[in-house]
Amino acid sequence: MSPHDEAPDLPSSDNLAPIAVNREQAAAYVGISAGLFDRLVHHGLMPDARMVYGRLIWNVQEVTVAFRALLHRTEHVDRSTGDGQSSWD
């Protein structure tokens, strides 16, 4: 068999990063409890789940984007406009 006939090296399933996780995993991914994660989903601060044959799963990339959009603790929301404002402004 020549080198050109060899199968490409594919990562094993043990080395693949998941693209979707369950509720508990999504909560753990951002370092919070599943109950708090549920509240964030309800308030639109975390993405909603996708349903696959009755199973709820969250897209890891969407959870990451939502987490990065959360305000830092030194920021606050201007209730009149809903804009995040730095407490330094």
C-alpha atoms as a PDB file:
ATOM      1  CA  MET A   1       0.000   0.000   0.000  1.00  0.00           C
ATOM      2  CA  SER A   2       1.439   3.388  -0.952  1.00  0.00           C
ATOM      3  CA  PRO A   3       1.437   6.414   1.422  1.00  0.00           C
ATOM      4  CA  HIS A   4      -1.248   7.988  -0.754  1.00  0.00           C
ATOM      5  CA  ASP A   5      -3.627   5.091  -0.091  1.00  0.00           C
ATOM      6  CA  GLU A   6      -3.570   5.458   3.696  1.00  0.00           C
ATOM      7  CA  ALA A   7      -6.672   6.713   5.466  1.00  0.00           C
ATOM      8  CA  PRO A   8      -6.337  10.218   6.897  1.00  0.00           C
ATOM      9  CA  ASP A   9      -5.678  10.477  10.611  1.00  0.00           C
ATOM     10  CA  LEU A  10      -9.027  11.253  12.171  1.00  0.00           C
ATOM     11  CA  PRO A  11      -9.391  12.249  15.814  1.00  0.00           C
ATOM     12  CA  SER A  12     -10.798   9.579  18.065  1.00  0.00           C
ATOM     13  CA  SER A  13     -14.155  10.229  19.659  1.00  0.00           C
ATOM     14  CA  ASP A  14     -12.314  10.657  22.973  1.00  0.00           C
ATOM     15  CA  ASN A  15     -10.547  13.732  21.558  1.00  0.00           C
ATOM     16  CA  LEU A  16     -13.570  15.461  20.035  1.00  0.00           C
ATOM     17  CA  ALA A  17     -14.911  18.537  21.782  1.00  0.00           C
ATOM     18  CA  PRO A  18     -18.701  18.313  22.009  1.00  0.00           C
ATOM     19  CA  ILE A  19     -20.777  20.741  19.968  1.00  0.00           C
ATOM     20  CA  ALA A  20     -23.829  20.097  22.144  1.00  0.00           C
ATOM     21  CA  VAL A  21     -24.315  19.298  25.823  1.00  0.00           C
ATOM     22  CA  ASN A  22     -27.170  18.482  28.158  1.00  0.00           C
ATOM     23  CA  ARG A  23     -28.597  20.913  30.733  1.00  0.00           C
ATOM     24  CA  GLU A  24     -26.307  19.929  33.587  1.00  0.00           C
ATOM     25  CA  GLN A  25     -23.251  20.056  31.336  1.00  0.00           C
ATOM     26  CA  ALA A  26     -24.249  23.469  29.937  1.00  0.00           C
ATOM     27  CA  ALA A  27     -24.631  24.827  33.467  1.00  0.00           C
ATOM     28  CA  ALA A  28     -21.304  23.324  34.550  1.00  0.00           C
ATOM     29  CA  TYR A  29     -19.660  24.744  31.421  1.00  0.00           C
ATOM     30  CA  VAL A  30     -20.362  28.280  32.676  1.00  0.00           C
ATOM     31  CA  GLY A  31     -19.777  27.374  36.327  1.00  0.00           C
ATOM     32  CA  ILE A  32     -23.313  27.615  37.706  1.00  0.00           C
ATOM     33  CA  SER A  33     -26.042  25.302  38.971  1.00  0.00           C
ATOM     34  CA  ALA A  34     -28.620  23.834  36.624  1.00  0.00           C
ATOM     35  CA  GLY A  35     -31.345  25.806  38.430  1.00  0.00           C
ATOM     36  CA  LEU A  36     -29.572  29.125  37.870  1.00  0.00           C
ATOM     37  CA  PHE A  37     -28.925  28.139  34.258  1.00  0.00           C
ATOM     38  CA  ASP A  38     -32.688  27.538  33.852  1.00  0.00           C
ATOM     39  CA  ARG A  39     -33.384  31.049  35.195  1.00  0.00           C
ATOM     40  CA  LEU A  40     -30.902  32.581  32.756  1.00  0.00           C
ATOM     41  CA  VAL A  41     -32.564  30.711  29.867  1.00  0.00           C
ATOM     42  CA  HIS A  42     -36.002  31.898  31.059  1.00  0.00           C
ATOM     43  CA  HIS A  43     -34.774  35.520  31.138  1.00  0.00           C
ATOM     44  CA  GLY A  44     -33.139  35.234  27.705  1.00  0.00           C
ATOM     45  CA  LEU A  45     -29.586  35.525  29.032  1.00  0.00           C
ATOM     46  CA  MET A  46     -28.682  32.010  27.908  1.00  0.00           C
ATOM     47  CA  PRO A  47     -29.874  30.315  24.723  1.00  0.00           C
ATOM     48  CA  ASP A  48     -32.804  27.951  24.715  1.00  0.00           C
ATOM     49  CA  ALA A  49     -32.255  24.258  24.133  1.00  0.00           C
ATOM     50  CA  ARG A  50     -32.728  22.383  20.906  1.00  0.00           C
ATOM     51  CA  MET A  51     -34.839  19.271  21.008  1.00  0.00           C
ATOM     52  CA  VAL A  52     -33.643  16.050  19.404  1.00  0.00           C
ATOM     53  CA  TYR A  53     -36.127  13.201  19.741  1.00  0.00           C
ATOM     54  CA  GLY A  54     -37.365  14.575  23.053  1.00  0.00           C
ATOM     55  CA  ARG A  55     -33.905  15.248  24.456  1.00  0.00           C
ATOM     56  CA  LEU A  56     -32.901  18.837  25.257  1.00  0.00           C
ATOM     57  CA  ILE A  57     -29.393  19.834  24.200  1.00  0.00           C
ATOM     58  CA  TRP A  58     -27.554  23.149  24.123  1.00  0.00           C
ATOM     59  CA  ASN A  59     -25.157  24.293  21.436  1.00  0.00           C
ATOM     60  CA  VAL A  60     -21.830  24.926  23.193  1.00  0.00           C
ATOM     61  CA  GLN A  61     -20.937  27.798  20.861  1.00  0.00           C
ATOM     62  CA  GLU A  62     -24.254  29.549  21.596  1.00  0.00           C
ATOM     63  CA  VAL A  63     -23.715  29.125  25.343  1.00  0.00           C
ATOM     64  CA  THR A  64     -20.207  30.581  24.983  1.00  0.00           C
ATOM     65  CA  VAL A  65     -21.494  33.612  23.056  1.00  0.00           C
ATOM     66  CA  ALA A  66     -24.254  34.194  25.624  1.00  0.00           C
ATOM     67  CA  PHE A  67     -21.789  33.919  28.501  1.00  0.00           C
ATOM     68  CA  ARG A  68     -19.442  36.440  26.924  1.00  0.00           C
ATOM     69  CA  ALA A  69     -22.378  38.849  26.488  1.00  0.00           C
ATOM     70  CA  LEU A  70     -23.148  38.839  30.225  1.00  0.00           C
ATOM     71  CA  LEU A  71     -22.172  42.018  32.026  1.00  0.00           C
ATOM     72  CA  HIS A  72     -19.132  42.041  34.278  1.00  0.00           C
ATOM     73  CA  ARG A  73     -19.878  42.687  37.928  1.00  0.00           C
ATOM     74  CA  THR A  74     -18.511  46.233  37.652  1.00  0.00           C
ATOM     75  CA  GLU A  75     -21.042  47.029  34.940  1.00  0.00           C
ATOM     76  CA  HIS A  76     -24.693  47.799  35.473  1.00  0.00           C
ATOM     77  CA  VAL A  77     -27.737  48.110  33.271  1.00  0.00           C
ATOM     78  CA  ASP A  78     -29.311  51.519  32.810  1.00  0.00           C
ATOM     79  CA  ARG A  79     -32.945  50.611  33.524  1.00  0.00           C
ATOM     80  CA  SER A  80     -34.246  53.477  31.382  1.00  0.00           C
ATOM     81  CA  THR A  81     -32.446  52.349  28.223  1.00  0.00           C
ATOM     82  CA  GLY A  82     -31.426  48.770  28.986  1.00  0.00           C
ATOM     83  CA  ASP A  83     -27.875  49.639  27.954  1.00  0.00           C
ATOM     84  CA  GLY A  84     -24.971  48.215  29.866  1.00  0.00           C
ATOM     85  CA  GLN A  85     -22.958  51.053  31.330  1.00  0.00           C
ATOM     86  CA  SER A  86     -19.639  50.821  33.079  1.00  0.00           C
ATOM     87  CA  SER A  87     -19.682  52.033  36.646  1.00  0.00           C
ATOM     88  CA  TRP A  88     -16.562  54.018  35.691  1.00  0.00           C
ATOM     89  CA  ASP A  89     -18.487  56.222  33.227  1.00  0.00           C
END
